[in-house]
Amino acid sequence: MASSMILKLACLVVLCLVVGAPLTQGAVTCGQVTSALSPCISYLRNGGTVPAGCCSGIKSLNSGAQTTADRQAVCNCIKTASGSISGINYSLASGLPGKCGVSIPYKISPNTDCKNVK
């Protein structure tokens, strides 16, 4: 099970790098987004306590995404990544930034239009 999760995460990183590269014009890359948010996967699937590493990743991404292009890139990377991981509870995902004390300008959802993120 753990090796399957590692394989999925590795595939996700590669996918984000390939798909997200043209989207990222700012300083934040899909690789950074994937790395920062990987500690959140178990919470997003099963609920429970939010891991400290998850919140530190969210806070790091939030502080690194200073421009509209950065925020749109992060949004697109999250959207791509979340669509490729099975079992994500999007109710938990949308509330996750607030649980970590962070406010982001969009809802974490596969339906978010990242072009509208400012």
PDB file of N, CA and C in Angstrom:
ATOM      1  N   MET A   1       0.836  -1.191   0.000  1.00  0.00           N
ATOM      2  CA  MET A   1       0.000   0.000   0.000  1.00  0.00           C
ATOM      3  C   MET A   1       0.876   1.248   0.000  1.00  0.00           C
ATOM      4  N   ALA A   2       1.930   1.265   0.837  1.00  0.00           N
ATOM      5  CA  ALA A   2       2.800   2.437   0.905  1.00  0.00           C
ATOM      6  C   ALA A   2       3.548   2.629  -0.401  1.00  0.00           C
ATOM      7  N   SER A   3       4.021   1.542  -1.010  1.00  0.00           N
ATOM      8  CA  SER A   3       4.742   1.673  -2.275  1.00  0.00           C
ATOM      9  C   SER A   3       3.805   2.139  -3.378  1.00  0.00           C
ATOM     10  N   SER A   4       2.550   1.739  -3.322  1.00  0.00           N
ATOM     11  CA  SER A   4       1.555   2.201  -4.294  1.00  0.00           C
ATOM     12  C   SER A   4       1.340   3.705  -4.144  1.00  0.00           C
ATOM     13  N   MET A   5       1.297   4.193  -2.910  1.00  0.00           N
ATOM     14  CA  MET A   5       1.113   5.620  -2.650  1.00  0.00           C
ATOM     15  C   MET A   5       2.329   6.402  -3.139  1.00  0.00           C
ATOM     16  N   ILE A   6       3.523   5.881  -2.920  1.00  0.00           N
ATOM     17  CA  ILE A   6       4.741   6.551  -3.369  1.00  0.00           C
ATOM     18  C   ILE A   6       4.767   6.604  -4.886  1.00  0.00           C
ATOM     19  N   LEU A   7       4.376   5.524  -5.535  1.00  0.00           N
ATOM     20  CA  LEU A   7       4.331   5.498  -6.994  1.00  0.00           C
ATOM     21  C   LEU A   7       3.331   6.512  -7.523  1.00  0.00           C
ATOM     22  N   LYS A   8       2.154   6.574  -6.900  1.00  0.00           N
ATOM     23  CA  LYS A   8       1.145   7.552  -7.318  1.00  0.00           C
ATOM     24  C   LYS A   8       1.665   8.971  -7.131  1.00  0.00           C
ATOM     25  N   LEU A   9       2.332   9.225  -6.016  1.00  0.00           N
ATOM     26  CA  LEU A   9       2.868  10.556  -5.750  1.00  0.00           C
ATOM     27  C   LEU A   9       3.945  10.915  -6.769  1.00  0.00           C
ATOM     28  N   ALA A  10       4.807   9.959  -7.103  1.00  0.00           N
ATOM     29  CA  ALA A  10       5.844  10.207  -8.107  1.00  0.00           C
ATOM     30  C   ALA A  10       5.219  10.504  -9.461  1.00  0.00           C
ATOM     31  N   CYS A  11       4.195   9.753  -9.829  1.00  0.00           N
ATOM     32  CA  CYS A  11       3.501  10.004 -11.095  1.00  0.00           C
ATOM     33  C   CYS A  11       2.835  11.374 -11.067  1.00  0.00           C
ATOM     34  N   LEU A  12       2.281  11.737  -9.932  1.00  0.00           N
ATOM     35  CA  LEU A  12       1.637  13.033  -9.785  1.00  0.00           C
ATOM     36  C   LEU A  12       2.640  14.171  -9.960  1.00  0.00           C
ATOM     37  N   VAL A  13       3.812  14.026  -9.376  1.00  0.00           N
ATOM     38  CA  VAL A  13       4.853  15.044  -9.511  1.00  0.00           C
ATOM     39  C   VAL A  13       5.228  15.217 -10.980  1.00  0.00           C
ATOM     40  N   VAL A  14       5.447  14.107 -11.669  1.00  0.00           N
ATOM     41  CA  VAL A  14       5.803  14.175 -13.087  1.00  0.00           C
ATOM     42  C   VAL A  14       4.669  14.801 -13.881  1.00  0.00           C
ATOM     43  N   LEU A  15       3.434  14.385 -13.613  1.00  0.00           N
ATOM     44  CA  LEU A  15       2.288  14.939 -14.308  1.00  0.00           C
ATOM     45  C   LEU A  15       2.186  16.447 -14.100  1.00  0.00           C
ATOM     46  N   CYS A  16       2.350  16.884 -12.867  1.00  0.00           N
ATOM     47  CA  CYS A  16       2.277  18.317 -12.583  1.00  0.00           C
ATOM     48  C   CYS A  16       3.386  19.079 -13.285  1.00  0.00           C
ATOM     49  N   LEU A  17       4.561  18.504 -13.336  1.00  0.00           N
ATOM     50  CA  LEU A  17       5.661  19.179 -14.020  1.00  0.00           C
ATOM     51  C   LEU A  17       5.393  19.297 -15.514  1.00  0.00           C
ATOM     52  N   VAL A  18       4.852  18.241 -16.107  1.00  0.00           N
ATOM     53  CA  VAL A  18       4.591  18.251 -17.544  1.00  0.00           C
ATOM     54  C   VAL A  18       3.402  19.145 -17.885  1.00  0.00           C
ATOM     55  N   VAL A  19       2.297  18.960 -17.176  1.00  0.00           N
ATOM     56  CA  VAL A  19       1.086  19.705 -17.475  1.00  0.00           C
ATOM     57  C   VAL A  19       1.180  21.148 -16.992  1.00  0.00           C
ATOM     58  N   GLY A  20       1.767  21.353 -15.848  1.00  0.00           N
ATOM     59  CA  GLY A  20       1.778  22.677 -15.255  1.00  0.00           C
ATOM     60  C   GLY A  20       2.883  23.582 -15.728  1.00  0.00           C
ATOM     61  N   ALA A  21       3.915  23.055 -16.346  1.00  0.00           N
ATOM     62  CA  ALA A  21       5.048  23.882 -16.743  1.00  0.00           C
ATOM     63  C   ALA A  21       4.644  25.079 -17.585  1.00  0.00           C
ATOM     64  N   PRO A  22       3.798  24.911 -18.623  1.00  0.00           N
ATOM     65  CA  PRO A  22       3.450  26.083 -19.404  1.00  0.00           C
ATOM     66  C   PRO A  22       2.556  27.062 -18.652  1.00  0.00           C
ATOM     67  N   LEU A  23       1.878  26.578 -17.613  1.00  0.00           N
ATOM     68  CA  LEU A  23       0.989  27.441 -16.855  1.00  0.00           C
ATOM     69  C   LEU A  23       1.747  28.322 -15.872  1.00  0.00           C
ATOM     70  N   THR A  24       2.880  27.854 -15.444  1.00  0.00           N
ATOM     71  CA  THR A  24       3.616  28.545 -14.403  1.00  0.00           C
ATOM     72  C   THR A  24       4.529  29.603 -15.009  1.00  0.00           C
ATOM     73  N   GLN A  25       4.130  30.847 -14.838  1.00  0.00           N
ATOM     74  CA  GLN A  25       4.954  31.939 -15.315  1.00  0.00           C
ATOM     75  C   GLN A  25       5.574  32.680 -14.140  1.00  0.00           C
ATOM     76  N   GLY A  26       5.090  32.392 -12.939  1.00  0.00           N
ATOM     77  CA  GLY A  26       5.603  33.047 -11.751  1.00  0.00           C
ATOM     78  C   GLY A  26       6.676  32.206 -11.094  1.00  0.00           C
ATOM     79  N   ALA A  27       6.824  32.419  -9.805  1.00  0.00           N
ATOM     80  CA  ALA A  27       7.912  31.791  -9.073  1.00  0.00           C
ATOM     81  C   ALA A  27       7.545  30.421  -8.503  1.00  0.00           C
ATOM     82  N   VAL A  28       6.272  30.039  -8.485  1.00  0.00           N
ATOM     83  CA  VAL A  28       5.847  28.786  -7.871  1.00  0.00           C
ATOM     84  C   VAL A  28       5.653  27.731  -8.950  1.00  0.00           C
ATOM     85  N   THR A  29       6.250  26.553  -8.753  1.00  0.00           N
ATOM     86  CA  THR A  29       6.136  25.470  -9.733  1.00  0.00           C
ATOM     87  C   THR A  29       5.182  24.388  -9.229  1.00  0.00           C
ATOM     88  N   CYS A  30       4.710  23.550 -10.138  1.00  0.00           N
ATOM     89  CA  CYS A  30       3.846  22.435  -9.741  1.00  0.00           C
ATOM     90  C   CYS A  30       4.611  21.441  -8.868  1.00  0.00           C
ATOM     91  N   GLY A  31       5.892  21.302  -9.110  1.00  0.00           N
ATOM     92  CA  GLY A  31       6.692  20.435  -8.254  1.00  0.00           C
ATOM     93  C   GLY A  31       6.684  20.917  -6.814  1.00  0.00           C
ATOM     94  N   GLN A  32       6.780  22.234  -6.630  1.00  0.00           N
ATOM     95  CA  GLN A  32       6.733  22.801  -5.278  1.00  0.00           C
ATOM     96  C   GLN A  32       5.356  22.600  -4.655  1.00  0.00           C
ATOM     97  N   VAL A  33       4.311  22.772  -5.462  1.00  0.00           N
ATOM     98  CA  VAL A  33       2.944  22.594  -4.957  1.00  0.00           C
ATOM     99  C   VAL A  33       2.739  21.149  -4.509  1.00  0.00           C
ATOM    100  N   THR A  34       3.142  20.209  -5.354  1.00  0.00           N
ATOM    101  CA  THR A  34       2.985  18.792  -5.035  1.00  0.00           C
ATOM    102  C   THR A  34       3.762  18.417  -3.785  1.00  0.00           C
ATOM    103  N   SER A  35       4.977  18.892  -3.702  1.00  0.00           N
ATOM    104  CA  SER A  35       5.814  18.595  -2.542  1.00  0.00           C
ATOM    105  C   SER A  35       5.207  19.179  -1.270  1.00  0.00           C
ATOM    106  N   ALA A  36       4.725  20.411  -1.362  1.00  0.00           N
ATOM    107  CA  ALA A  36       4.169  21.076  -0.186  1.00  0.00           C
ATOM    108  C   ALA A  36       2.878  20.421   0.292  1.00  0.00           C
ATOM    109  N   LEU A  37       2.080  19.922  -0.645  1.00  0.00           N
ATOM    110  CA  LEU A  37       0.766  19.400  -0.282  1.00  0.00           C
ATOM    111  C   LEU A  37       0.708  17.885  -0.107  1.00  0.00           C
ATOM    112  N   SER A  38       1.776  17.177  -0.420  1.00  0.00           N
ATOM    113  CA  SER A  38       1.749  15.717  -0.276  1.00  0.00           C
ATOM    114  C   SER A  38       1.442  15.258   1.157  1.00  0.00           C
ATOM    115  N   PRO A  39       1.857  15.994   2.199  1.00  0.00           N
ATOM    116  CA  PRO A  39       1.489  15.563   3.558  1.00  0.00           C
ATOM    117  C   PRO A  39      -0.011  15.679   3.846  1.00  0.00           C
ATOM    118  N   CYS A  40      -0.763  16.319   2.952  1.00  0.00           N
ATOM    119  CA  CYS A  40      -2.200  16.522   3.166  1.00  0.00           C
ATOM    120  C   CYS A  40      -3.053  15.375   2.635  1.00  0.00           C
ATOM    121  N   ILE A  41      -2.480  14.499   1.817  1.00  0.00           N
ATOM    122  CA  ILE A  41      -3.273  13.495   1.101  1.00  0.00           C
ATOM    123  C   ILE A  41      -4.061  12.592   2.056  1.00  0.00           C
ATOM    124  N   SER A  42      -3.432  12.098   3.095  1.00  0.00           N
ATOM    125  CA  SER A  42      -4.157  11.195   4.001  1.00  0.00           C
ATOM    126  C   SER A  42      -5.331  11.910   4.670  1.00  0.00           C
ATOM    127  N   TYR A  43      -5.139  13.166   5.053  1.00  0.00           N
ATOM    128  CA  TYR A  43      -6.238  13.933   5.652  1.00  0.00           C
ATOM    129  C   TYR A  43      -7.369  14.120   4.640  1.00  0.00           C
ATOM    130  N   LEU A  44      -7.015  14.446   3.402  1.00  0.00           N
ATOM    131  CA  LEU A  44      -8.027  14.708   2.383  1.00  0.00           C
ATOM    132  C   LEU A  44      -8.820  13.463   2.011  1.00  0.00           C
ATOM    133  N   ARG A  45      -8.263  12.314   2.258  1.00  0.00           N
ATOM    134  CA  ARG A  45      -8.971  11.055   1.995  1.00  0.00           C
ATOM    135  C   ARG A  45      -9.770  10.585   3.215  1.00  0.00           C
ATOM    136  N   ASN A  46      -9.184  10.742   4.403  1.00  0.00           N
ATOM    137  CA  ASN A  46      -9.753  10.095   5.584  1.00  0.00           C
ATOM    138  C   ASN A  46     -10.232  11.039   6.675  1.00  0.00           C
ATOM    139  N   GLY A  47      -9.922  12.327   6.580  1.00  0.00           N
ATOM    140  CA  GLY A  47     -10.281  13.251   7.645  1.00  0.00           C
ATOM    141  C   GLY A  47      -9.364  13.080   8.841  1.00  0.00           C
ATOM    142  N   GLY A  48      -9.851  13.440  10.012  1.00  0.00           N
ATOM    143  CA  GLY A  48      -9.041  13.324  11.224  1.00  0.00           C
ATOM    144  C   GLY A  48      -8.297  14.610  11.504  1.00  0.00           C
ATOM    145  N   THR A  49      -7.117  14.465  12.068  1.00  0.00           N
ATOM    146  CA  THR A  49      -6.286  15.611  12.414  1.00  0.00           C
ATOM    147  C   THR A  49      -5.448  16.026  11.209  1.00  0.00           C
ATOM    148  N   VAL A  50      -5.392  17.323  10.977  1.00  0.00           N
ATOM    149  CA  VAL A  50      -4.580  17.830   9.867  1.00  0.00           C
ATOM    150  C   VAL A  50      -3.108  17.729  10.273  1.00  0.00           C
ATOM    151  N   PRO A  51      -2.288  17.046   9.479  1.00  0.00           N
ATOM    152  CA  PRO A  51      -0.864  16.926   9.811  1.00  0.00           C
ATOM    153  C   PRO A  51      -0.167  18.287   9.815  1.00  0.00           C
ATOM    154  N   ALA A  52       0.753  18.462  10.736  1.00  0.00           N
ATOM    155  CA  ALA A  52       1.490  19.727  10.826  1.00  0.00           C
ATOM    156  C   ALA A  52       2.222  20.038   9.518  1.00  0.00           C
ATOM    157  N   GLY A  53       2.776  19.007   8.879  1.00  0.00           N
ATOM    158  CA  GLY A  53       3.477  19.202   7.613  1.00  0.00           C
ATOM    159  C   GLY A  53       2.562  19.709   6.520  1.00  0.00           C
ATOM    160  N   CYS A  54       1.303  19.333   6.579  1.00  0.00           N
ATOM    161  CA  CYS A  54       0.314  19.804   5.622  1.00  0.00           C
ATOM    162  C   CYS A  54       0.115  21.310   5.787  1.00  0.00           C
ATOM    163  N   CYS A  55      -0.112  21.744   7.012  1.00  0.00           N
ATOM    164  CA  CYS A  55      -0.318  23.178   7.257  1.00  0.00           C
ATOM    165  C   CYS A  55       0.924  23.996   6.930  1.00  0.00           C
ATOM    166  N   SER A  56       2.100  23.474   7.244  1.00  0.00           N
ATOM    167  CA  SER A  56       3.302  24.246   6.916  1.00  0.00           C
ATOM    168  C   SER A  56       3.458  24.342   5.402  1.00  0.00           C
ATOM    169  N   GLY A  57       3.070  23.301   4.663  1.00  0.00           N
ATOM    170  CA  GLY A  57       3.120  23.357   3.203  1.00  0.00           C
ATOM    171  C   GLY A  57       2.151  24.378   2.645  1.00  0.00           C
ATOM    172  N   ILE A  58       0.942  24.404   3.182  1.00  0.00           N
ATOM    173  CA  ILE A  58      -0.065  25.380   2.736  1.00  0.00           C
ATOM    174  C   ILE A  58       0.400  26.798   3.027  1.00  0.00           C
ATOM    175  N   LYS A  59       0.934  27.012   4.208  1.00  0.00           N
ATOM    176  CA  LYS A  59       1.416  28.352   4.571  1.00  0.00           C
ATOM    177  C   LYS A  59       2.576  28.773   3.673  1.00  0.00           C
ATOM    178  N   SER A  60       3.463  27.842   3.372  1.00  0.00           N
ATOM    179  CA  SER A  60       4.598  28.129   2.500  1.00  0.00           C
ATOM    180  C   SER A  60       4.130  28.511   1.094  1.00  0.00           C
ATOM    181  N   LEU A  61       3.186  27.736   0.556  1.00  0.00           N
ATOM    182  CA  LEU A  61       2.649  28.051  -0.772  1.00  0.00           C
ATOM    183  C   LEU A  61       1.950  29.402  -0.777  1.00  0.00           C
ATOM    184  N   ASN A  62       1.173  29.660   0.259  1.00  0.00           N
ATOM    185  CA  ASN A  62       0.444  30.922   0.335  1.00  0.00           C
ATOM    186  C   ASN A  62       1.397  32.114   0.370  1.00  0.00           C
ATOM    187  N   SER A  63       2.462  31.998   1.137  1.00  0.00           N
ATOM    188  CA  SER A  63       3.405  33.120   1.211  1.00  0.00           C
ATOM    189  C   SER A  63       4.248  33.231  -0.060  1.00  0.00           C
ATOM    190  N   GLY A  64       4.443  32.124  -0.781  1.00  0.00           N
ATOM    191  CA  GLY A  64       5.222  32.159  -2.009  1.00  0.00           C
ATOM    192  C   GLY A  64       4.445  32.629  -3.222  1.00  0.00           C
ATOM    193  N   ALA A  65       3.124  32.541  -3.157  1.00  0.00           N
ATOM    194  CA  ALA A  65       2.274  32.932  -4.287  1.00  0.00           C
ATOM    195  C   ALA A  65       1.865  34.401  -4.132  1.00  0.00           C
ATOM    196  N   GLN A  66       2.768  35.287  -4.488  1.00  0.00           N
ATOM    197  CA  GLN A  66       2.551  36.718  -4.265  1.00  0.00           C
ATOM    198  C   GLN A  66       1.867  37.437  -5.420  1.00  0.00           C
ATOM    199  N   THR A  67       1.961  36.888  -6.624  1.00  0.00           N
ATOM    200  CA  THR A  67       1.379  37.563  -7.785  1.00  0.00           C
ATOM    201  C   THR A  67       0.153  36.799  -8.274  1.00  0.00           C
ATOM    202  N   THR A  68      -0.630  37.445  -9.121  1.00  0.00           N
ATOM    203  CA  THR A  68      -1.783  36.777  -9.718  1.00  0.00           C
ATOM    204  C   THR A  68      -1.337  35.542 -10.487  1.00  0.00           C
ATOM    205  N   ALA A  69      -0.250  35.656 -11.250  1.00  0.00           N
ATOM    206  CA  ALA A  69       0.259  34.506 -12.020  1.00  0.00           C
ATOM    207  C   ALA A  69       0.635  33.358 -11.093  1.00  0.00           C
ATOM    208  N   ASP A  70       1.259  33.657  -9.962  1.00  0.00           N
ATOM    209  CA  ASP A  70       1.623  32.615  -9.000  1.00  0.00           C
ATOM    210  C   ASP A  70       0.376  31.943  -8.430  1.00  0.00           C
ATOM    211  N   ARG A  71      -0.606  32.745  -8.025  1.00  0.00           N
ATOM    212  CA  ARG A  71      -1.827  32.183  -7.442  1.00  0.00           C
ATOM    213  C   ARG A  71      -2.586  31.339  -8.465  1.00  0.00           C
ATOM    214  N   GLN A  72      -2.619  31.782  -9.716  1.00  0.00           N
ATOM    215  CA  GLN A  72      -3.277  31.004 -10.764  1.00  0.00           C
ATOM    216  C   GLN A  72      -2.517  29.706 -11.029  1.00  0.00           C
ATOM    217  N   ALA A  73      -1.197  29.768 -10.999  1.00  0.00           N
ATOM    218  CA  ALA A  73      -0.380  28.568 -11.210  1.00  0.00           C
ATOM    219  C   ALA A  73      -0.620  27.565 -10.090  1.00  0.00           C
ATOM    220  N   VAL A  74      -0.631  28.028  -8.843  1.00  0.00           N
ATOM    221  CA  VAL A  74      -0.891  27.141  -7.704  1.00  0.00           C
ATOM    222  C   VAL A  74      -2.275  26.528  -7.829  1.00  0.00           C
ATOM    223  N   CYS A  75      -3.257  27.348  -8.170  1.00  0.00           N
ATOM    224  CA  CYS A  75      -4.626  26.869  -8.351  1.00  0.00           C
ATOM    225  C   CYS A  75      -4.674  25.768  -9.411  1.00  0.00           C
ATOM    226  N   ASN A  76      -4.045  26.001 -10.556  1.00  0.00           N
ATOM    227  CA  ASN A  76      -4.036  25.001 -11.629  1.00  0.00           C
ATOM    228  C   ASN A  76      -3.329  23.718 -11.203  1.00  0.00           C
ATOM    229  N   CYS A  77      -2.235  23.861 -10.490  1.00  0.00           N
ATOM    230  CA  CYS A  77      -1.505  22.675 -10.024  1.00  0.00           C
ATOM    231  C   CYS A  77      -2.337  21.874  -9.039  1.00  0.00           C
ATOM    232  N   ILE A  78      -2.994  22.557  -8.109  1.00  0.00           N
ATOM    233  CA  ILE A  78      -3.847  21.875  -7.131  1.00  0.00           C
ATOM    234  C   ILE A  78      -4.995  21.176  -7.851  1.00  0.00           C
ATOM    235  N   LYS A  79      -5.581  21.858  -8.804  1.00  0.00           N
ATOM    236  CA  LYS A  79      -6.703  21.292  -9.552  1.00  0.00           C
ATOM    237  C   LYS A  79      -6.269  20.037 -10.317  1.00  0.00           C
ATOM    238  N   THR A  80      -5.126  20.104 -10.980  1.00  0.00           N
ATOM    239  CA  THR A  80      -4.606  18.957 -11.723  1.00  0.00           C
ATOM    240  C   THR A  80      -4.273  17.811 -10.779  1.00  0.00           C
ATOM    241  N   ALA A  81      -3.591  18.136  -9.695  1.00  0.00           N
ATOM    242  CA  ALA A  81      -3.182  17.102  -8.739  1.00  0.00           C
ATOM    243  C   ALA A  81      -4.389  16.436  -8.093  1.00  0.00           C
ATOM    244  N   SER A  82      -5.355  17.235  -7.676  1.00  0.00           N
ATOM    245  CA  SER A  82      -6.513  16.661  -6.987  1.00  0.00           C
ATOM    246  C   SER A  82      -7.326  15.765  -7.911  1.00  0.00           C
ATOM    247  N   GLY A  83      -7.321  16.064  -9.198  1.00  0.00           N
ATOM    248  CA  GLY A  83      -8.053  15.235 -10.145  1.00  0.00           C
ATOM    249  C   GLY A  83      -7.396  13.893 -10.398  1.00  0.00           C
ATOM    250  N   SER A  84      -6.116  13.786 -10.066  1.00  0.00           N
ATOM    251  CA  SER A  84      -5.408  12.537 -10.334  1.00  0.00           C
ATOM    252  C   SER A  84      -5.253  11.654  -9.093  1.00  0.00           C
ATOM    253  N   ILE A  85      -5.762  12.093  -7.967  1.00  0.00           N
ATOM    254  CA  ILE A  85      -5.681  11.311  -6.728  1.00  0.00           C
ATOM    255  C   ILE A  85      -7.092  10.856  -6.365  1.00  0.00           C
ATOM    256  N   SER A  86      -7.277   9.558  -6.293  1.00  0.00           N
ATOM    257  CA  SER A  86      -8.607   9.039  -5.988  1.00  0.00           C
ATOM    258  C   SER A  86      -8.934   9.198  -4.510  1.00  0.00           C
ATOM    259  N   GLY A  87     -10.215   9.349  -4.244  1.00  0.00           N
ATOM    260  CA  GLY A  87     -10.702   9.343  -2.872  1.00  0.00           C
ATOM    261  C   GLY A  87     -10.625  10.657  -2.133  1.00  0.00           C
ATOM    262  N   ILE A  88     -10.360  11.761  -2.823  1.00  0.00           N
ATOM    263  CA  ILE A  88     -10.278  13.047  -2.131  1.00  0.00           C
ATOM    264  C   ILE A  88     -11.678  13.529  -1.773  1.00  0.00           C
ATOM    265  N   ASN A  89     -11.839  13.963  -0.542  1.00  0.00           N
ATOM    266  CA  ASN A  89     -13.082  14.540  -0.054  1.00  0.00           C
ATOM    267  C   ASN A  89     -12.960  16.056  -0.242  1.00  0.00           C
ATOM    268  N   TYR A  90     -13.695  16.595  -1.221  1.00  0.00           N
ATOM    269  CA  TYR A  90     -13.554  18.014  -1.551  1.00  0.00           C
ATOM    270  C   TYR A  90     -14.147  18.935  -0.496  1.00  0.00           C
ATOM    271  N   SER A  91     -15.013  18.420   0.359  1.00  0.00           N
ATOM    272  CA  SER A  91     -15.481  19.226   1.495  1.00  0.00           C
ATOM    273  C   SER A  91     -14.323  19.466   2.457  1.00  0.00           C
ATOM    274  N   LEU A  92     -13.542  18.410   2.709  1.00  0.00           N
ATOM    275  CA  LEU A  92     -12.357  18.566   3.557  1.00  0.00           C
ATOM    276  C   LEU A  92     -11.341  19.478   2.882  1.00  0.00           C
ATOM    277  N   ALA A  93     -11.170  19.324   1.567  1.00  0.00           N
ATOM    278  CA  ALA A  93     -10.194  20.128   0.827  1.00  0.00           C
ATOM    279  C   ALA A  93     -10.533  21.615   0.880  1.00  0.00           C
ATOM    280  N   SER A  94     -11.798  21.949   0.707  1.00  0.00           N
ATOM    281  CA  SER A  94     -12.165  23.366   0.699  1.00  0.00           C
ATOM    282  C   SER A  94     -11.991  24.012   2.069  1.00  0.00           C
ATOM    283  N   GLY A  95     -12.109  23.236   3.139  1.00  0.00           N
ATOM    284  CA  GLY A  95     -11.939  23.785   4.482  1.00  0.00           C
ATOM    285  C   GLY A  95     -10.516  23.734   5.001  1.00  0.00           C
ATOM    286  N   LEU A  96      -9.631  23.077   4.267  1.00  0.00           N
ATOM    287  CA  LEU A  96      -8.265  22.861   4.739  1.00  0.00           C
ATOM    288  C   LEU A  96      -7.480  24.155   4.963  1.00  0.00           C
ATOM    289  N   PRO A  97      -7.500  25.115   4.036  1.00  0.00           N
ATOM    290  CA  PRO A  97      -6.737  26.349   4.305  1.00  0.00           C
ATOM    291  C   PRO A  97      -7.162  27.024   5.619  1.00  0.00           C
ATOM    292  N   GLY A  98      -8.469  27.088   5.866  1.00  0.00           N
ATOM    293  CA  GLY A  98      -8.958  27.690   7.105  1.00  0.00           C
ATOM    294  C   GLY A  98      -8.488  26.947   8.341  1.00  0.00           C
ATOM    295  N   LYS A  99      -8.438  25.607   8.262  1.00  0.00           N
ATOM    296  CA  LYS A  99      -7.953  24.810   9.398  1.00  0.00           C
ATOM    297  C   LYS A  99      -6.480  25.104   9.680  1.00  0.00           C
ATOM    298  N   CYS A 100      -5.774  25.557   8.657  1.00  0.00           N
ATOM    299  CA  CYS A 100      -4.352  25.876   8.815  1.00  0.00           C
ATOM    300  C   CYS A 100      -4.126  27.370   9.048  1.00  0.00           C
ATOM    301  N   GLY A 101      -5.205  28.131   9.201  1.00  0.00           N
ATOM    302  CA  GLY A 101      -5.089  29.562   9.470  1.00  0.00           C
ATOM    303  C   GLY A 101      -4.690  30.386   8.258  1.00  0.00           C
ATOM    304  N   VAL A 102      -5.038  29.905   7.068  1.00  0.00           N
ATOM    305  CA  VAL A 102      -4.676  30.586   5.830  1.00  0.00           C
ATOM    306  C   VAL A 102      -5.946  30.882   5.043  1.00  0.00           C
ATOM    307  N   SER A 103      -5.983  32.054   4.430  1.00  0.00           N
ATOM    308  CA  SER A 103      -7.091  32.418   3.562  1.00  0.00           C
ATOM    309  C   SER A 103      -6.579  32.467   2.124  1.00  0.00           C
ATOM    310  N   ILE A 104      -7.227  31.711   1.238  1.00  0.00           N
ATOM    311  CA  ILE A 104      -6.831  31.740  -0.167  1.00  0.00           C
ATOM    312  C   ILE A 104      -7.996  32.293  -0.990  1.00  0.00           C
ATOM    313  N   PRO A 105      -7.703  32.925  -2.131  1.00  0.00           N
ATOM    314  CA  PRO A 105      -8.746  33.614  -2.894  1.00  0.00           C
ATOM    315  C   PRO A 105      -9.550  32.712  -3.841  1.00  0.00           C
ATOM    316  N   TYR A 106      -9.642  31.420  -3.563  1.00  0.00           N
ATOM    317  CA  TYR A 106     -10.429  30.525  -4.398  1.00  0.00           C
ATOM    318  C   TYR A 106     -10.779  29.279  -3.597  1.00  0.00           C
ATOM    319  N   LYS A 107     -11.783  28.553  -4.087  1.00  0.00           N
ATOM    320  CA  LYS A 107     -12.213  27.316  -3.449  1.00  0.00           C
ATOM    321  C   LYS A 107     -11.431  26.158  -4.065  1.00  0.00           C
ATOM    322  N   ILE A 108     -10.953  25.251  -3.229  1.00  0.00           N
ATOM    323  CA  ILE A 108     -10.266  24.068  -3.731  1.00  0.00           C
ATOM    324  C   ILE A 108     -11.338  23.098  -4.211  1.00  0.00           C
ATOM    325  N   SER A 109     -11.444  23.013  -5.517  1.00  0.00           N
ATOM    326  CA  SER A 109     -12.469  22.206  -6.140  1.00  0.00           C
ATOM    327  C   SER A 109     -12.052  21.890  -7.571  1.00  0.00           C
ATOM    328  N   PRO A 110     -12.490  20.747  -8.102  1.00  0.00           N
ATOM    329  CA  PRO A 110     -12.160  20.454  -9.502  1.00  0.00           C
ATOM    330  C   PRO A 110     -12.894  21.395 -10.462  1.00  0.00           C
ATOM    331  N   ASN A 111     -13.864  22.140  -9.950  1.00  0.00           N
ATOM    332  CA  ASN A 111     -14.651  23.053 -10.789  1.00  0.00           C
ATOM    333  C   ASN A 111     -14.165  24.497 -10.728  1.00  0.00           C
ATOM    334  N   THR A 112     -13.139  24.783  -9.963  1.00  0.00           N
ATOM    335  CA  THR A 112     -12.638  26.153  -9.843  1.00  0.00           C
ATOM    336  C   THR A 112     -12.058  26.614 -11.172  1.00  0.00           C
ATOM    337  N   ASP A 113     -12.426  27.817 -11.582  1.00  0.00           N
ATOM    338  CA  ASP A 113     -11.845  28.410 -12.785  1.00  0.00           C
ATOM    339  C   ASP A 113     -10.649  29.247 -12.349  1.00  0.00           C
ATOM    340  N   CYS A 114      -9.465  28.684 -12.508  1.00  0.00           N
ATOM    341  CA  CYS A 114      -8.242  29.331 -12.012  1.00  0.00           C
ATOM    342  C   CYS A 114      -7.913  30.635 -12.748  1.00  0.00           C
ATOM    343  N   LYS A 115      -8.483  30.834 -13.927  1.00  0.00           N
ATOM    344  CA  LYS A 115      -8.257  32.092 -14.664  1.00  0.00           C
ATOM    345  C   LYS A 115      -8.867  33.276 -13.932  1.00  0.00           C
ATOM    346  N   ASN A 116      -9.863  33.000 -13.071  1.00  0.00           N
ATOM    347  CA  ASN A 116     -10.527  34.075 -12.325  1.00  0.00           C
ATOM    348  C   ASN A 116      -9.839  34.387 -11.004  1.00  0.00           C
ATOM    349  N   VAL A 117      -8.830  33.635 -10.632  1.00  0.00           N
ATOM    350  CA  VAL A 117      -8.112  33.884  -9.372  1.00  0.00           C
ATOM    351  C   VAL A 117      -7.255  35.124  -9.550  1.00  0.00           C
ATOM    352  N   LYS A 118      -7.357  36.029  -8.618  1.00  0.00           N
ATOM    353  CA  LYS A 118      -6.596  37.295  -8.689  1.00  0.00           C
ATOM    354  C   LYS A 118      -5.458  37.315  -7.721  1.00  0.00           C
TER     355      LYS A 118
END
